[in-house]
């Protein structure tokens, strides 16, 4: 019995030894992974940065060839407003209460159309003044006739006749003034205190700020106070353009421009410059330009924001993307691709700097390729390559071609 027990325990021990031996053999035969290859970085030589062939960052650097400067499309911010030469803002000239509204928003009206009726005691006073002035004029006419008859009979003196004539002239002048004032607001010959506010042009009611029974005050008028009605002709609008100082020469009165509105994609509207301001806005540092644009289909609305595009004539120089020009201190620089994978820092002088394109007057020739995308990344690589000898004292002896 004792021998059997020993044999039973000996079998598992043999199996464990064989498994341990196999595991050690497997570990010994497994090779260690190779160390990762060191990244090959670009090197700097003079003012050029050279990338090794196949470097992953080369696919991020896009270059654009400089082209001869002829004309340049310039985009300027613009805003549509009502044509003030075809717009009327109507206020209440007398205090009173609104009795009837005869026009509404979006309604087409003609010249002389009644927009609102107001019961106004103040206007009644003006009507009464006109009536009294007419009575005084009739009375002075009768007095003048009597004086003329007496003078012809040799009873009245010439002085009295001349005095009567002057009184009649003054009375008629006052009557004309009073009547003109009441007729301006639709008043007739009678005193009824009914004030009528009318449209003075053909157009559309684009704004209404009056309600039935509203009390009106004559002092509620002028800048900053909403008009009771705004009537305008929307078939032609004004365009307010904020231009840079360099673009004023192109935007002279009579010159044309294109208007693009984001709300109407794919459509281009033709406009013409009417006037230009003679001063620079101290806040925006721009010059206000006013243009006119036809709107027969009334697609454009006042207060729409858009872009005024002009074609500016350029002189000598080359055009490059604005994204490829960088400012360091007071000097503009570009990165020029002199050969595949080789880039050079170049100082240039700009004659025009726009949002999309810039014009280089000197420092760059036609056909030279300028890095237009990821130029900041390339500038970072320039700095890192220049700092490499400082961080590694042995770099100069190991890489004699690398200089700062």
Protein backbone atom coordinates (compact mmCIF):
# COMPACT_ATOMS: atom_id res chain seq x y z
CA UNK A 1 0.00 0.00 0.00
CA UNK A 2 2.81 2.45 0.74
CA UNK A 3 4.44 1.99 -2.66
CA UNK A 4 1.18 2.67 -4.50
CA UNK A 5 0.72 5.93 -2.64
CA UNK A 6 4.20 7.15 -3.59
CA UNK A 7 3.60 6.36 -7.23
CA UNK A 8 0.30 8.23 -7.21
CA UNK A 9 2.02 11.37 -5.94
CA UNK A 10 4.96 11.04 -8.34
CA UNK A 11 2.88 11.30 -11.50
CA UNK A 12 1.66 14.93 -10.96
CA UNK A 13 5.16 16.05 -10.06
CA UNK A 14 6.50 14.76 -13.39
CA UNK A 15 3.76 16.58 -15.32
CA UNK A 16 4.54 19.86 -13.58
CA UNK A 17 8.19 19.56 -14.44
CA UNK A 18 7.43 18.95 -18.12
CA UNK A 19 5.07 21.98 -18.27
CA UNK A 20 7.64 24.24 -16.64
CA UNK A 21 10.29 23.09 -19.08
CA UNK A 22 8.06 23.80 -22.08
CA UNK A 23 7.20 27.31 -20.78
CA UNK A 24 10.86 28.20 -20.33
CA UNK A 25 11.64 26.98 -23.86
CA UNK A 26 8.79 29.09 -25.29
CA UNK A 27 9.95 32.24 -23.52
CA UNK A 28 13.55 31.70 -24.59
CA UNK A 29 12.55 31.27 -28.24
CA UNK A 30 10.38 34.45 -28.38
CA UNK A 31 12.29 37.41 -29.83
CA UNK A 32 12.00 40.89 -28.27
CA UNK A 33 10.17 43.54 -30.46
CA UNK A 34 12.50 45.88 -32.33
CA UNK A 35 12.86 49.40 -30.91
CA UNK A 36 10.74 52.10 -32.68
CA UNK A 37 12.52 53.89 -35.48
CA UNK A 38 13.63 57.40 -34.59
CA UNK A 39 11.66 60.13 -36.37
CA UNK A 40 13.71 61.90 -39.02
CA UNK A 41 13.17 65.62 -38.53
CA UNK A 42 13.72 68.36 -41.13
CA UNK A 43 16.98 70.24 -41.02
CA UNK A 44 17.67 73.92 -41.56
CA UNK A 45 20.37 75.17 -43.90
CA UNK A 46 20.81 78.91 -44.13
CA UNK A 47 17.30 80.28 -44.43
CA UNK A 48 15.91 77.07 -45.93
CA UNK A 49 14.17 74.17 -44.23
CA UNK A 50 14.62 70.75 -45.87
CA UNK A 51 12.21 67.90 -45.23
CA UNK A 52 13.26 64.29 -45.88
CA UNK A 53 11.42 62.52 -48.68
CA UNK A 54 8.10 61.07 -47.60
CA UNK A 55 7.83 63.16 -44.44
CA UNK A 56 4.18 63.06 -43.21
CA UNK A 57 3.95 66.84 -42.77
CA UNK A 58 4.60 67.48 -46.46
CA UNK A 59 1.03 66.40 -47.23
CA UNK A 60 -0.26 69.22 -44.97
CA UNK A 61 1.67 72.01 -46.68
CA UNK A 62 -0.19 73.40 -49.68
CA UNK A 63 1.57 75.87 -51.98
CA UNK A 64 0.02 78.36 -54.40
CA UNK A 65 1.86 80.02 -57.27
CA UNK A 66 2.03 83.82 -57.28
CA UNK A 67 0.29 85.37 -60.29
CA UNK A 68 0.69 88.72 -62.00
CA UNK A 69 -1.45 91.44 -60.49
CA UNK A 70 -4.07 92.84 -62.90
CA UNK A 71 -7.45 93.16 -61.18
CA UNK A 72 -8.45 92.08 -57.72
CA UNK A 73 -11.91 91.29 -56.35
CA UNK A 74 -12.45 93.17 -53.10
CA UNK A 75 -15.35 92.30 -50.79
CA UNK A 76 -16.68 95.02 -48.52
CA UNK A 77 -19.47 94.86 -45.89
CA UNK A 78 -22.73 96.44 -47.03
CA UNK A 79 -26.18 97.12 -45.62
CA UNK A 80 -29.44 97.83 -47.45
CA UNK A 81 -31.56 100.81 -46.35
CA UNK A 82 -34.54 102.69 -47.73
CA UNK A 83 -33.90 105.20 -50.48
CA UNK A 84 -34.38 108.43 -48.51
CA UNK A 85 -35.10 110.36 -51.70
CA UNK A 86 -38.16 108.14 -52.16
CA UNK A 87 -39.18 107.79 -48.51
CA UNK A 88 -41.58 109.83 -46.36
CA UNK A 89 -41.79 109.64 -42.57
CA UNK A 90 -45.06 111.02 -41.30
CA UNK A 91 -45.42 112.67 -37.87
CA UNK A 92 -48.28 114.54 -36.22
CA UNK A 93 -47.83 118.34 -36.60
CA UNK A 94 -50.63 119.02 -34.09
CA UNK A 95 -51.75 117.33 -30.89
CA UNK A 96 -54.93 115.29 -31.09
CA UNK A 97 -56.61 111.89 -30.97
CA UNK A 98 -56.63 109.28 -33.75
CA UNK A 99 -60.16 108.78 -35.04
CA UNK A 100 -59.63 106.63 -38.15
CA UNK A 101 -56.74 104.69 -39.70
CA UNK A 102 -57.04 104.35 -43.46
CA UNK A 103 -53.77 102.54 -44.36
CA UNK A 104 -52.02 99.45 -43.05
CA UNK A 105 -48.63 97.78 -43.27
CA UNK A 106 -47.77 96.56 -46.78
CA UNK A 107 -50.53 98.58 -48.44
CA UNK A 108 -49.78 100.37 -51.69
CA UNK A 109 -50.74 104.05 -51.61
CA UNK A 110 -50.71 106.90 -54.12
CA UNK A 111 -49.78 110.52 -53.69
CA UNK A 112 -52.45 112.38 -51.72
CA UNK A 113 -53.88 109.24 -50.11
CA UNK A 114 -55.36 109.71 -46.63
CA UNK A 115 -53.41 107.61 -44.12
CA UNK A 116 -54.95 108.64 -40.79
CA UNK A 117 -57.56 111.09 -39.50
CA UNK A 118 -57.02 112.93 -36.22
CA UNK A 119 -59.40 115.06 -34.17
CA UNK A 120 -57.21 117.99 -33.16
CA UNK A 121 -58.29 121.12 -31.24
CA UNK A 122 -54.90 122.63 -32.08
CA UNK A 123 -55.63 122.20 -35.76
CA UNK A 124 -59.03 123.77 -35.12
CA UNK A 125 -57.24 126.88 -33.85
CA UNK A 126 -55.26 127.00 -37.09
CA UNK A 127 -58.50 126.67 -39.06
CA UNK A 128 -60.07 129.48 -37.04
CA UNK A 129 -57.04 131.68 -37.67
CA UNK A 130 -57.44 131.07 -41.40
CA UNK A 131 -61.14 131.93 -41.26
CA UNK A 132 -60.46 135.15 -39.34
CA UNK A 133 -57.70 136.09 -41.76
CA UNK A 134 -60.12 135.68 -44.68
CA UNK A 135 -62.68 137.88 -42.93
CA UNK A 136 -60.08 140.56 -42.26
CA UNK A 137 -59.00 140.45 -45.90
CA UNK A 138 -62.60 141.00 -47.09
CA UNK A 139 -63.00 143.88 -44.67
CA UNK A 140 -59.85 145.61 -45.85
CA UNK A 141 -60.97 145.16 -49.45
CA UNK A 142 -64.20 147.04 -48.69
CA UNK A 143 -62.30 149.78 -46.89
CA UNK A 144 -59.98 150.13 -49.85
CA UNK A 145 -62.92 150.50 -52.25
CA UNK A 146 -64.47 153.25 -50.09
CA UNK A 147 -61.21 155.15 -49.86
CA UNK A 148 -60.77 154.94 -53.63
CA UNK A 149 -64.28 156.34 -54.20
CA UNK A 150 -63.66 159.19 -51.73
CA UNK A 151 -60.31 159.95 -53.33
CA UNK A 152 -61.87 160.06 -56.78
CA UNK A 153 -64.49 162.46 -55.43
CA UNK A 154 -61.77 164.66 -54.01
CA UNK A 155 -62.88 164.09 -50.43
CA UNK A 156 -60.15 161.70 -49.11
CA UNK A 157 -56.47 162.42 -49.15
CA UNK A 158 -54.00 160.26 -51.11
CA UNK A 159 -52.35 159.26 -47.81
CA UNK A 160 -55.56 157.61 -46.62
CA UNK A 161 -55.89 155.71 -49.90
CA UNK A 162 -52.34 154.41 -49.67
CA UNK A 163 -52.88 153.33 -46.05
CA UNK A 164 -56.00 151.39 -47.00
CA UNK A 165 -54.16 149.76 -49.87
CA UNK A 166 -51.32 148.63 -47.56
CA UNK A 167 -53.79 147.27 -44.99
CA UNK A 168 -55.51 145.22 -47.67
CA UNK A 169 -52.20 143.80 -48.91
CA UNK A 170 -51.19 142.76 -45.38
CA UNK A 171 -54.56 141.15 -44.73
CA UNK A 172 -54.40 139.13 -47.94
CA UNK A 173 -50.86 137.98 -47.13
CA UNK A 174 -51.98 136.77 -43.70
CA UNK A 175 -55.00 135.04 -45.22
CA UNK A 176 -52.82 133.26 -47.76
CA UNK A 177 -50.44 132.11 -45.04
CA UNK A 178 -53.22 130.79 -42.79
CA UNK A 179 -54.98 129.01 -45.65
CA UNK A 180 -51.77 127.42 -46.89
CA UNK A 181 -51.09 126.06 -43.42
CA UNK A 182 -54.49 124.40 -43.13
CA UNK A 183 -54.51 123.11 -46.72
CA UNK A 184 -51.12 121.49 -46.07
CA UNK A 185 -52.85 119.06 -43.69
CA UNK A 186 -56.10 118.63 -45.58
CA UNK A 187 -58.10 121.41 -43.94
CA UNK A 188 -61.00 123.00 -45.84
CA UNK A 189 -62.80 126.31 -45.47
CA UNK A 190 -64.76 125.27 -42.39
CA UNK A 191 -63.55 124.86 -38.82
CA UNK A 192 -64.05 121.14 -38.05
CA UNK A 193 -60.80 120.27 -36.20
CA UNK A 194 -60.29 117.25 -38.50
CA UNK A 195 -56.60 116.77 -39.29
CA UNK A 196 -55.71 114.52 -42.24
CA UNK A 197 -52.21 113.08 -42.67
CA UNK A 198 -51.55 112.22 -46.31
CA UNK A 199 -48.87 110.49 -48.37
CA UNK A 200 -46.78 112.80 -50.51
CA UNK A 201 -45.57 110.09 -52.89
CA UNK A 202 -46.50 106.81 -54.52
CA UNK A 203 -45.21 103.85 -52.57
CA UNK A 204 -45.81 101.18 -49.98
CA UNK A 205 -46.51 101.54 -46.26
CA UNK A 206 -43.49 99.77 -44.73
CA UNK A 207 -43.97 100.92 -41.15
CA UNK A 208 -47.01 101.79 -38.99
CA UNK A 209 -46.78 102.95 -35.38
CA UNK A 210 -50.27 104.26 -34.64
CA UNK A 211 -53.36 102.71 -33.02
CA UNK A 212 -57.04 103.73 -32.92
CA UNK A 213 -57.77 106.30 -30.22
CA UNK A 214 -54.08 107.02 -29.65
CA UNK A 215 -53.23 110.45 -28.23
CA UNK A 216 -50.67 112.27 -30.33
CA UNK A 217 -48.33 115.09 -29.36
CA UNK A 218 -46.63 117.46 -31.76
CA UNK A 219 -43.32 117.21 -29.87
CA UNK A 220 -43.20 113.46 -30.56
CA UNK A 221 -41.23 113.83 -33.78
CA UNK A 222 -37.68 113.99 -35.00
CA UNK A 223 -34.64 111.67 -34.82
CA UNK A 224 -35.02 108.72 -32.50
CA UNK A 225 -38.83 108.91 -32.42
CA UNK A 226 -40.75 106.31 -34.49
CA UNK A 227 -42.83 107.87 -37.25
CA UNK A 228 -46.56 107.23 -37.38
CA UNK A 229 -46.17 105.95 -40.95
CA UNK A 230 -43.23 105.30 -43.25
CA UNK A 231 -44.04 105.27 -46.95
CA UNK A 232 -41.35 104.41 -49.46
CA UNK A 233 -40.78 103.20 -52.99
CA UNK A 234 -39.05 99.81 -52.54
CA UNK A 235 -38.28 99.42 -56.24
CA UNK A 236 -34.93 101.12 -55.58
CA UNK A 237 -32.84 100.82 -52.41
CA UNK A 238 -29.74 102.45 -51.07
CA UNK A 239 -26.64 100.44 -50.16
CA UNK A 240 -24.34 101.66 -47.39
CA UNK A 241 -20.80 100.34 -47.91
CA UNK A 242 -17.94 100.51 -45.40
CA UNK A 243 -14.82 100.98 -47.51
CA UNK A 244 -11.17 101.01 -46.58
CA UNK A 245 -9.01 104.01 -47.35
CA UNK A 246 -7.24 102.11 -50.14
CA UNK A 247 -10.55 101.29 -51.87
CA UNK A 248 -11.97 104.82 -52.01
CA UNK A 249 -10.30 105.52 -55.35
CA UNK A 250 -12.21 102.61 -56.89
CA UNK A 251 -15.58 103.57 -55.38
CA UNK A 252 -16.04 106.93 -57.09
CA UNK A 253 -19.52 108.27 -57.89
CA UNK A 254 -20.75 106.54 -61.02
CA UNK A 255 -18.64 103.39 -60.61
CA UNK A 256 -20.40 100.01 -60.45
CA UNK A 257 -20.32 97.17 -57.95
CA UNK A 258 -21.93 93.76 -57.38
CA UNK A 259 -24.07 93.05 -54.34
CA UNK A 260 -24.23 89.54 -52.89
CA UNK A 261 -26.75 88.71 -50.15
CA UNK A 262 -26.44 85.49 -48.09
CA UNK A 263 -30.23 85.20 -47.91
CA UNK A 264 -30.37 85.00 -51.74
CA UNK A 265 -27.54 82.63 -52.68
CA UNK A 266 -26.45 82.49 -56.31
CA UNK A 267 -27.96 85.88 -57.19
CA UNK A 268 -25.86 88.94 -58.04
CA UNK A 269 -27.39 92.44 -58.03
CA UNK A 270 -25.82 95.32 -59.94
CA UNK A 271 -25.41 98.67 -58.19
CA UNK A 272 -23.93 102.10 -58.80
CA UNK A 273 -22.09 104.41 -56.42
CA UNK A 274 -23.93 107.68 -55.70
CA UNK A 275 -21.75 109.48 -53.16
CA UNK A 276 -18.75 109.03 -50.85
CA UNK A 277 -18.10 110.67 -47.49
CA UNK A 278 -15.20 113.07 -47.03
CA UNK A 279 -14.19 111.79 -43.60
CA UNK A 280 -13.14 108.54 -41.93
CA UNK A 281 -15.34 107.05 -39.24
CA UNK A 282 -13.22 107.25 -36.05
CA UNK A 283 -14.78 104.05 -34.65
CA UNK A 284 -14.63 101.69 -37.62
CA UNK A 285 -11.82 103.48 -39.51
CA UNK A 286 -13.82 103.16 -42.70
CA UNK A 287 -15.30 105.59 -45.20
CA UNK A 288 -19.05 105.54 -45.83
CA UNK A 289 -20.05 104.94 -49.44
CA UNK A 290 -23.65 105.25 -50.65
CA UNK A 291 -24.87 103.29 -53.63
CA UNK A 292 -28.18 102.62 -55.33
CA UNK A 293 -29.51 99.30 -56.52
CA UNK A 294 -32.61 98.45 -58.55
CA UNK A 295 -35.15 96.19 -56.84
CA UNK A 296 -38.04 95.78 -59.32
CA UNK A 297 -39.08 92.35 -57.99
CA UNK A 298 -38.70 93.50 -54.36
CA UNK A 299 -36.48 90.54 -53.47
CA UNK A 300 -34.19 92.78 -51.44
CA UNK A 301 -35.38 94.14 -48.10
CA UNK A 302 -34.18 97.07 -46.04
CA UNK A 303 -31.65 96.23 -43.29
CA UNK A 304 -30.42 93.14 -45.14
CA UNK A 305 -26.68 92.56 -44.76
CA UNK A 306 -24.61 91.71 -47.80
CA UNK A 307 -21.25 92.03 -49.51
CA UNK A 308 -20.35 94.67 -52.08
CA UNK A 309 -17.79 93.27 -54.52
CA UNK A 310 -15.67 95.64 -56.57
CA UNK A 311 -12.93 95.06 -59.13
CA UNK A 312 -9.85 97.00 -58.17
CA UNK A 313 -7.20 97.76 -60.78
CA UNK A 314 -3.71 96.88 -59.59
CA UNK A 315 -0.31 98.12 -60.65
CA UNK A 316 2.97 96.26 -60.40
CA UNK A 317 3.26 93.22 -58.15
CA UNK A 318 2.00 89.68 -57.71
CA UNK A 319 -1.12 88.32 -56.03
CA UNK A 320 -0.86 85.66 -53.32
CA UNK A 321 -3.38 84.20 -50.85
CA UNK A 322 -3.71 86.35 -47.73
CA UNK A 323 -3.38 83.20 -45.60
CA UNK A 324 0.21 82.82 -46.82
CA UNK A 325 1.41 86.21 -45.52
CA UNK A 326 2.59 86.59 -41.93
CA UNK A 327 3.55 89.65 -39.95
CA UNK A 328 6.52 89.49 -37.62
CA UNK A 329 7.06 92.80 -35.90
CA UNK A 330 6.65 95.30 -38.71
CA UNK A 331 7.89 93.02 -41.51
CA UNK A 332 5.71 90.78 -43.69
CA UNK A 333 7.05 87.33 -44.53
CA UNK A 334 6.09 84.38 -46.70
CA UNK A 335 7.30 80.79 -46.97
CA UNK A 336 8.44 80.00 -50.51
CA UNK A 337 8.71 76.41 -51.78
CA UNK A 338 11.97 76.54 -53.73
CA UNK A 339 12.05 72.77 -54.42
CA UNK A 340 9.97 69.75 -53.42
CA UNK A 341 10.32 69.50 -49.63
CA UNK A 342 12.46 72.65 -49.36
CA UNK A 343 11.07 75.91 -48.01
CA UNK A 344 12.58 79.36 -47.62
CA UNK A 345 11.64 82.36 -45.49
CA UNK A 346 11.22 85.49 -47.62
CA UNK A 347 10.62 89.07 -46.50
CA UNK A 348 8.18 90.92 -48.77
CA UNK A 349 6.59 94.35 -49.11
CA UNK A 350 2.81 94.51 -49.51
CA UNK A 351 1.05 97.12 -51.62
CA UNK A 352 -2.43 95.82 -50.75
CA UNK A 353 -3.66 93.58 -47.95
CA UNK A 354 -7.14 92.07 -48.30
CA UNK A 355 -9.18 89.44 -46.51
CA UNK A 356 -8.62 86.77 -49.18
CA UNK A 357 -5.74 88.01 -51.33
CA UNK A 358 -2.77 90.30 -50.90
CA UNK A 359 -0.55 92.03 -53.41
CA UNK A 360 3.24 91.76 -52.99
CA UNK A 361 5.06 94.71 -54.46
CA UNK A 362 8.60 93.40 -53.98
CA UNK A 363 10.33 90.28 -52.69
CA UNK A 364 8.43 87.75 -54.78
CA UNK A 365 8.33 86.88 -58.48
CA UNK A 366 5.57 85.54 -60.69
CA UNK A 367 5.34 81.74 -60.55
CA UNK A 368 7.08 81.27 -57.19
CA UNK A 369 5.11 78.99 -54.90
CA UNK A 370 3.96 80.39 -51.55
CA UNK A 371 2.74 78.14 -48.73
CA UNK A 372 -0.95 79.04 -48.35
CA UNK A 373 -2.11 76.32 -45.93
CA UNK A 374 -0.60 75.43 -42.55
CA UNK A 375 2.04 78.13 -42.70
CA UNK A 376 2.04 78.32 -38.90
CA UNK A 377 2.98 74.64 -38.78
CA UNK A 378 5.90 75.31 -41.11
CA UNK A 379 7.01 78.26 -38.98
CA UNK A 380 7.01 75.99 -35.94
CA UNK A 381 9.23 73.50 -37.75
CA UNK A 382 11.63 76.35 -38.63
CA UNK A 383 11.92 77.29 -34.95
CA UNK A 384 12.34 73.71 -33.78
CA UNK A 385 15.06 73.03 -36.36
CA UNK A 386 16.86 76.24 -35.41
CA UNK A 387 16.76 75.36 -31.69
CA UNK A 388 18.05 71.80 -32.19
CA UNK A 389 21.80 72.70 -32.03
CA UNK A 390 21.18 74.62 -28.79
CA UNK A 391 19.56 71.62 -27.10
CA UNK A 392 22.17 69.11 -28.34
CA UNK A 393 25.81 70.35 -27.90
CA UNK A 394 27.09 67.48 -30.08
CA UNK A 395 24.79 68.43 -32.96
CA UNK A 396 27.36 70.69 -34.61
CA UNK A 397 30.06 68.00 -34.74
CA UNK A 398 27.62 65.28 -35.78
CA UNK A 399 25.78 67.37 -38.37
CA UNK A 400 28.20 69.85 -39.87
CA UNK A 401 25.69 70.85 -42.58
CA UNK A 402 23.15 72.11 -40.04
CA UNK A 403 23.51 75.81 -39.29
CA UNK A 404 21.17 78.30 -37.75
